[in-house]
N, C-alpha and C. Protein backbone atom coordinates (compact mmCIF):
# COMPACT_ATOMS: atom_id res chain seq x y z
N MET A 1 99.53 109.51 95.27
CA MET A 1 98.86 110.64 96.07
C MET A 1 97.78 111.23 95.21
N ASP A 2 98.04 111.35 93.89
CA ASP A 2 97.01 111.97 93.03
C ASP A 2 95.63 111.16 93.08
N GLU A 3 95.77 109.85 93.27
CA GLU A 3 94.62 109.05 93.42
C GLU A 3 93.78 109.36 94.56
N LEU A 4 94.33 109.71 95.70
CA LEU A 4 93.62 110.08 96.90
C LEU A 4 93.05 111.57 96.66
N ILE A 5 93.92 112.48 96.10
CA ILE A 5 93.47 113.80 95.98
C ILE A 5 92.22 113.90 95.03
N SER A 6 92.27 112.94 93.98
CA SER A 6 91.14 113.04 93.05
C SER A 6 89.86 112.39 93.59
N THR A 7 89.99 111.64 94.65
CA THR A 7 88.82 110.95 95.24
C THR A 7 88.17 111.90 96.34
N ASP A 8 86.92 112.07 96.24
CA ASP A 8 86.10 112.99 97.11
C ASP A 8 86.66 114.36 97.08
N THR A 9 86.57 114.98 95.87
CA THR A 9 87.10 116.33 95.63
C THR A 9 86.50 117.38 96.50
N ALA A 10 85.41 117.12 97.15
CA ALA A 10 84.84 118.20 97.97
C ALA A 10 85.75 118.39 99.22
N LEU A 11 86.57 117.39 99.61
CA LEU A 11 87.59 117.64 100.64
C LEU A 11 88.66 118.62 100.24
N ASN A 12 88.91 118.84 98.94
CA ASN A 12 89.88 119.65 98.46
C ASN A 12 89.36 121.20 98.42
N GLU A 13 88.14 121.40 98.57
CA GLU A 13 87.75 122.80 98.37
C GLU A 13 88.41 123.87 99.25
N ASN A 14 89.00 124.87 98.58
CA ASN A 14 89.73 125.92 99.19
C ASN A 14 90.92 125.44 99.99
N MET A 15 91.44 124.32 99.65
CA MET A 15 92.73 123.91 100.32
C MET A 15 93.84 124.76 100.15
N GLN A 16 94.46 125.17 101.24
CA GLN A 16 95.62 126.02 101.19
C GLN A 16 96.97 125.30 101.14
N TYR A 17 97.01 124.03 101.38
CA TYR A 17 98.23 123.28 101.47
C TYR A 17 97.87 121.76 101.30
N ILE A 18 98.94 120.92 101.12
CA ILE A 18 98.92 119.59 101.22
C ILE A 18 99.94 119.16 102.26
N SER A 19 99.66 118.41 103.18
CA SER A 19 100.75 117.87 104.12
C SER A 19 100.82 116.42 103.93
N LEU A 20 102.11 115.91 103.84
CA LEU A 20 102.38 114.49 103.59
C LEU A 20 103.02 113.99 104.93
N ASP A 21 102.31 112.98 105.40
CA ASP A 21 102.79 112.35 106.64
C ASP A 21 103.14 110.85 106.27
N TYR A 22 104.45 110.58 106.18
CA TYR A 22 104.98 109.32 105.91
C TYR A 22 105.21 108.37 107.18
N ASN A 23 104.73 107.16 107.11
CA ASN A 23 105.10 106.23 108.12
C ASN A 23 106.66 105.97 108.11
N GLN A 24 107.26 106.21 109.26
CA GLN A 24 108.68 106.26 109.29
C GLN A 24 109.28 104.83 108.89
N GLU A 25 108.54 103.79 108.89
CA GLU A 25 108.99 102.49 108.49
C GLU A 25 108.88 102.26 106.95
N LEU A 26 108.36 103.20 106.19
CA LEU A 26 108.30 103.05 104.73
C LEU A 26 109.69 103.17 104.11
N PRO A 27 110.00 102.37 103.10
CA PRO A 27 111.32 102.42 102.45
C PRO A 27 111.31 103.50 101.42
N LEU A 28 111.01 104.74 101.73
CA LEU A 28 111.15 105.81 100.81
C LEU A 28 112.47 106.63 101.10
N SER A 29 113.16 106.85 100.01
CA SER A 29 114.40 107.63 100.24
C SER A 29 114.01 109.13 100.31
N ASP A 30 114.98 110.02 100.71
CA ASP A 30 114.65 111.47 100.74
C ASP A 30 114.43 111.95 99.27
N SER A 31 115.12 111.31 98.28
CA SER A 31 114.90 111.84 97.01
C SER A 31 113.43 111.40 96.47
N ASP A 32 112.95 110.21 96.89
CA ASP A 32 111.54 109.86 96.55
C ASP A 32 110.57 110.79 97.13
N LYS A 33 110.77 111.12 98.41
CA LYS A 33 109.87 112.08 99.03
C LYS A 33 109.97 113.49 98.37
N LYS A 34 111.13 113.95 98.06
CA LYS A 34 111.22 115.20 97.27
C LYS A 34 110.57 115.16 96.03
N SER A 35 110.69 114.02 95.28
CA SER A 35 109.99 113.94 93.91
C SER A 35 108.50 114.01 94.06
N ILE A 36 107.99 113.43 95.13
CA ILE A 36 106.48 113.48 95.35
C ILE A 36 106.12 114.95 95.65
N GLU A 37 106.86 115.54 96.59
CA GLU A 37 106.54 116.95 97.00
C GLU A 37 106.70 117.86 95.77
N ASP A 38 107.70 117.77 94.95
CA ASP A 38 107.88 118.62 93.82
C ASP A 38 106.66 118.36 92.78
N TYR A 39 106.28 117.22 92.56
CA TYR A 39 105.18 116.93 91.66
C TYR A 39 103.86 117.52 92.19
N LEU A 40 103.66 117.25 93.47
CA LEU A 40 102.33 117.83 93.98
C LEU A 40 102.38 119.39 93.88
N HIS A 41 103.54 119.96 94.25
CA HIS A 41 103.59 121.50 94.22
C HIS A 41 103.42 121.99 92.81
N SER A 42 103.97 121.30 91.80
CA SER A 42 103.87 121.83 90.50
C SER A 42 102.48 121.60 89.93
N LYS A 43 101.80 120.59 90.43
CA LYS A 43 100.48 120.29 89.83
C LYS A 43 99.40 121.11 90.52
N TYR A 44 99.43 121.34 91.81
CA TYR A 44 98.42 121.99 92.61
C TYR A 44 98.83 123.49 92.93
N HIS A 45 99.95 123.80 92.85
CA HIS A 45 100.53 125.20 93.09
C HIS A 45 100.07 125.67 94.54
N ILE A 46 100.33 124.78 95.53
CA ILE A 46 100.13 125.24 96.92
C ILE A 46 101.29 124.79 97.68
N LYS A 47 101.33 125.22 98.97
CA LYS A 47 102.35 124.82 99.80
C LYS A 47 102.32 123.30 100.22
N ILE A 48 103.52 122.65 100.25
CA ILE A 48 103.56 121.23 100.61
C ILE A 48 104.35 121.21 101.92
N TYR A 49 103.70 120.58 102.96
CA TYR A 49 104.37 120.35 104.29
C TYR A 49 104.67 118.86 104.44
N ASN A 50 105.49 118.67 105.45
CA ASN A 50 105.71 117.25 106.00
C ASN A 50 105.39 117.28 107.54
N HIS A 51 104.00 117.63 107.65
CA HIS A 51 103.66 117.61 109.02
C HIS A 51 102.60 116.45 109.42
N THR A 52 102.53 116.16 110.66
CA THR A 52 101.56 115.21 111.19
C THR A 52 100.34 116.15 111.49
N TYR A 53 99.22 115.45 111.83
CA TYR A 53 98.01 116.08 112.17
C TYR A 53 98.35 117.05 113.41
N GLU A 54 99.00 116.58 114.39
CA GLU A 54 99.18 117.36 115.52
C GLU A 54 100.19 118.56 115.27
N GLN A 55 101.09 118.36 114.32
CA GLN A 55 101.92 119.57 113.92
C GLN A 55 101.08 120.61 113.28
N LEU A 56 100.20 120.18 112.36
CA LEU A 56 99.37 121.15 111.67
C LEU A 56 98.51 121.95 112.66
N ILE A 57 98.06 121.33 113.64
CA ILE A 57 97.24 122.01 114.72
C ILE A 57 98.07 123.00 115.50
N GLN A 58 99.37 122.44 115.92
CA GLN A 58 100.20 123.39 116.59
C GLN A 58 100.76 124.66 115.82
N GLU A 59 100.70 124.42 114.44
CA GLU A 59 101.11 125.54 113.61
C GLU A 59 99.90 126.53 113.26
N GLY A 60 98.70 126.08 113.73
CA GLY A 60 97.50 126.98 113.52
C GLY A 60 97.00 126.73 112.16
N LEU A 61 97.22 125.72 111.42
CA LEU A 61 96.81 125.47 110.06
C LEU A 61 95.43 124.77 110.00
N TYR A 62 94.54 125.30 110.75
CA TYR A 62 93.13 124.80 110.70
C TYR A 62 92.25 125.96 110.94
N ASN A 63 90.94 125.67 110.66
CA ASN A 63 89.95 126.79 110.77
C ASN A 63 89.34 126.79 112.12
N GLN A 64 89.16 127.86 112.76
CA GLN A 64 88.56 127.91 114.13
C GLN A 64 87.14 128.34 114.07
N PRO A 65 86.21 127.95 114.94
CA PRO A 65 86.46 127.11 116.10
C PRO A 65 86.50 125.70 115.76
N ARG A 66 86.18 125.27 114.60
CA ARG A 66 86.18 123.81 114.28
C ARG A 66 87.73 123.46 114.10
N THR A 67 87.85 122.10 114.07
CA THR A 67 89.22 121.59 113.85
C THR A 67 89.27 121.05 112.43
N THR A 68 88.77 121.67 111.47
CA THR A 68 88.85 121.36 110.05
C THR A 68 90.08 122.01 109.53
N LEU A 69 90.94 121.16 108.88
CA LEU A 69 92.15 121.72 108.47
C LEU A 69 91.96 122.63 107.23
N LYS A 70 92.91 123.55 107.12
CA LYS A 70 92.88 124.49 106.01
C LYS A 70 93.48 123.78 104.73
N GLY A 71 93.96 122.74 104.81
CA GLY A 71 94.38 121.96 103.72
C GLY A 71 94.05 120.41 103.87
N ILE A 72 94.76 119.61 103.12
CA ILE A 72 94.53 118.23 103.40
C ILE A 72 95.81 117.44 103.83
N LEU A 73 95.55 116.43 104.65
CA LEU A 73 96.66 115.67 105.26
C LEU A 73 96.59 114.29 104.46
N LEU A 74 97.63 114.02 103.81
CA LEU A 74 97.88 112.70 103.05
C LEU A 74 98.72 111.83 103.87
N LYS A 75 98.34 110.61 104.20
CA LYS A 75 99.12 109.82 105.06
C LYS A 75 99.39 108.56 104.34
N ILE A 76 100.62 108.11 104.21
CA ILE A 76 100.97 106.77 103.64
C ILE A 76 101.17 105.90 104.91
N GLU A 77 100.36 104.98 105.16
CA GLU A 77 100.42 104.22 106.38
C GLU A 77 101.21 102.91 106.26
N LYS A 78 101.08 102.30 105.10
CA LYS A 78 101.60 100.95 104.92
C LYS A 78 101.95 100.71 103.55
N GLN A 79 103.06 100.00 103.28
CA GLN A 79 103.39 99.57 101.87
C GLN A 79 103.71 98.13 101.93
N VAL A 80 103.06 97.32 100.98
CA VAL A 80 103.31 95.96 100.92
C VAL A 80 103.78 95.67 99.50
N GLN A 81 105.08 95.17 99.43
CA GLN A 81 105.70 94.82 98.17
C GLN A 81 105.43 93.40 97.83
N SER A 82 105.02 93.15 96.64
CA SER A 82 104.67 91.78 96.21
C SER A 82 106.10 91.09 95.92
N ASP A 83 105.95 89.80 95.78
CA ASP A 83 107.17 89.03 95.28
C ASP A 83 107.75 89.57 93.99
N ASN A 84 106.72 90.07 93.12
CA ASN A 84 107.16 90.67 91.90
C ASN A 84 107.59 92.09 92.25
N LYS A 85 108.72 92.55 92.08
CA LYS A 85 109.08 93.88 92.49
C LYS A 85 108.40 95.03 91.73
N GLU A 86 107.70 94.66 90.71
CA GLU A 86 107.00 95.78 89.92
C GLU A 86 105.55 95.92 90.33
N ASN A 87 105.14 95.43 91.40
CA ASN A 87 103.79 95.53 92.03
C ASN A 87 103.85 95.76 93.43
N MET A 88 102.99 96.66 93.93
CA MET A 88 102.96 96.85 95.37
C MET A 88 101.53 97.45 95.74
N ILE A 89 101.21 97.30 97.00
CA ILE A 89 100.01 97.89 97.51
C ILE A 89 100.35 98.85 98.65
N ILE A 90 99.73 100.04 98.45
CA ILE A 90 99.84 100.98 99.73
C ILE A 90 98.62 101.27 100.36
N GLU A 91 98.59 101.48 101.61
CA GLU A 91 97.47 101.83 102.36
C GLU A 91 97.67 103.37 102.73
N ALA A 92 96.80 104.25 102.24
CA ALA A 92 96.88 105.61 102.44
C ALA A 92 95.51 106.19 102.84
N SER A 93 95.65 107.46 103.41
CA SER A 93 94.44 108.11 103.89
C SER A 93 94.52 109.62 103.46
N LYS A 94 93.41 110.24 103.35
CA LYS A 94 93.17 111.64 103.08
C LYS A 94 92.32 112.25 104.18
N TYR A 95 92.78 113.30 104.90
CA TYR A 95 92.08 113.77 106.00
C TYR A 95 91.88 115.24 105.91
N ARG A 96 90.68 115.77 106.22
CA ARG A 96 90.35 117.20 106.24
C ARG A 96 89.69 117.56 107.60
N SER A 97 88.80 116.64 108.01
CA SER A 97 88.17 116.89 109.25
C SER A 97 87.62 115.53 109.78
N ASN A 98 87.00 115.54 110.99
CA ASN A 98 86.44 114.28 111.47
C ASN A 98 85.27 113.78 110.62
N GLU A 99 84.62 114.77 109.96
CA GLU A 99 83.55 114.45 109.06
C GLU A 99 83.97 114.27 107.55
N GLY A 100 85.24 114.54 107.34
CA GLY A 100 85.70 114.58 105.99
C GLY A 100 87.05 113.78 105.91
N SER A 101 87.00 112.53 105.68
CA SER A 101 88.24 111.80 105.50
C SER A 101 87.99 110.51 104.75
N LEU A 102 89.05 109.84 104.23
CA LEU A 102 88.79 108.52 103.51
C LEU A 102 90.10 107.92 103.63
N SER A 103 90.09 106.51 103.37
CA SER A 103 91.32 105.73 103.30
C SER A 103 91.16 104.69 102.23
N ALA A 104 92.22 104.23 101.76
CA ALA A 104 92.01 103.27 100.61
C ALA A 104 93.32 102.35 100.49
N LYS A 105 93.14 101.29 99.88
CA LYS A 105 94.30 100.42 99.47
C LYS A 105 94.43 100.60 98.00
N ILE A 106 95.68 101.04 97.62
CA ILE A 106 95.94 101.34 96.27
C ILE A 106 96.98 100.39 95.65
N THR A 107 96.60 99.65 94.62
CA THR A 107 97.52 98.72 94.04
C THR A 107 98.22 99.41 92.77
N LEU A 108 99.59 99.30 92.85
CA LEU A 108 100.38 100.03 91.85
C LEU A 108 101.25 99.04 91.07
N THR A 109 101.49 99.30 89.82
CA THR A 109 102.44 98.56 89.07
C THR A 109 103.45 99.37 88.34
N PHE A 110 104.63 99.02 88.22
CA PHE A 110 105.75 99.81 87.61
C PHE A 110 105.92 99.41 86.15
N GLU A 111 105.47 100.41 85.30
CA GLU A 111 105.53 100.29 83.88
C GLU A 111 106.26 101.53 83.24
N LYS A 112 107.03 101.22 82.21
CA LYS A 112 107.65 102.33 81.48
C LYS A 112 108.34 103.33 82.47
N ASP A 113 109.08 102.96 83.38
CA ASP A 113 109.86 103.80 84.32
C ASP A 113 108.93 104.63 85.21
N GLN A 114 107.68 104.27 85.44
CA GLN A 114 106.89 105.03 86.46
C GLN A 114 105.79 104.07 87.06
N TRP A 115 105.46 104.52 88.28
CA TRP A 115 104.39 103.70 88.94
C TRP A 115 103.02 104.13 88.43
N ARG A 116 102.06 103.14 88.34
CA ARG A 116 100.81 103.43 87.73
C ARG A 116 99.72 102.78 88.61
N VAL A 117 98.68 103.46 88.99
CA VAL A 117 97.58 102.82 89.68
C VAL A 117 96.76 101.95 88.90
N VAL A 118 96.65 100.72 89.40
CA VAL A 118 95.76 99.73 88.68
C VAL A 118 94.51 99.46 89.42
N MET A 119 94.44 99.77 90.72
CA MET A 119 93.23 99.51 91.54
C MET A 119 93.21 100.45 92.64
N ASN A 120 92.03 101.14 93.08
CA ASN A 120 91.93 101.87 94.19
C ASN A 120 90.68 101.31 94.90
N THR A 121 90.88 100.69 96.01
CA THR A 121 89.85 100.21 96.78
C THR A 121 89.61 100.91 98.11
N PRO A 122 88.47 101.65 98.18
CA PRO A 122 88.26 102.45 99.38
C PRO A 122 87.99 101.50 100.53
N THR A 123 88.55 101.94 101.69
CA THR A 123 88.42 101.09 103.00
C THR A 123 87.58 101.81 104.02
N LYS A 124 87.58 103.16 103.88
CA LYS A 124 86.82 103.88 104.85
C LYS A 124 86.50 105.34 104.28
N GLU A 125 85.23 105.79 104.46
CA GLU A 125 84.91 107.16 104.07
C GLU A 125 83.92 107.80 105.16
N SER A 126 84.29 109.12 105.38
CA SER A 126 83.39 109.75 106.42
C SER A 126 83.12 111.17 105.89
């Protein structure tokens, strides 16, 4: 998630929260999700939600009259595990508004008891 947050930092300007939207088919345990949330909260010192775009709008967490979010929405859309269990690719996106979003394929490797980004390939930017 840090990889997406650090890409196109203009989308982070004055962000009031980070919302994580996980694809329900991803094999992430509740403890994995909690670890991600705790890490992001401790690093960025802002509220962490588990809301979809629609839920953020319903909660009024956007700027009016535009539909620019007051924070960023990070979405993990797909995970592809390689035959080698220590490598995987995730497809993820970062959204702030229709004019401010990006998506990427991020290649990870597991080294020294943690996942590390080895490649970040942008797939869409607006």
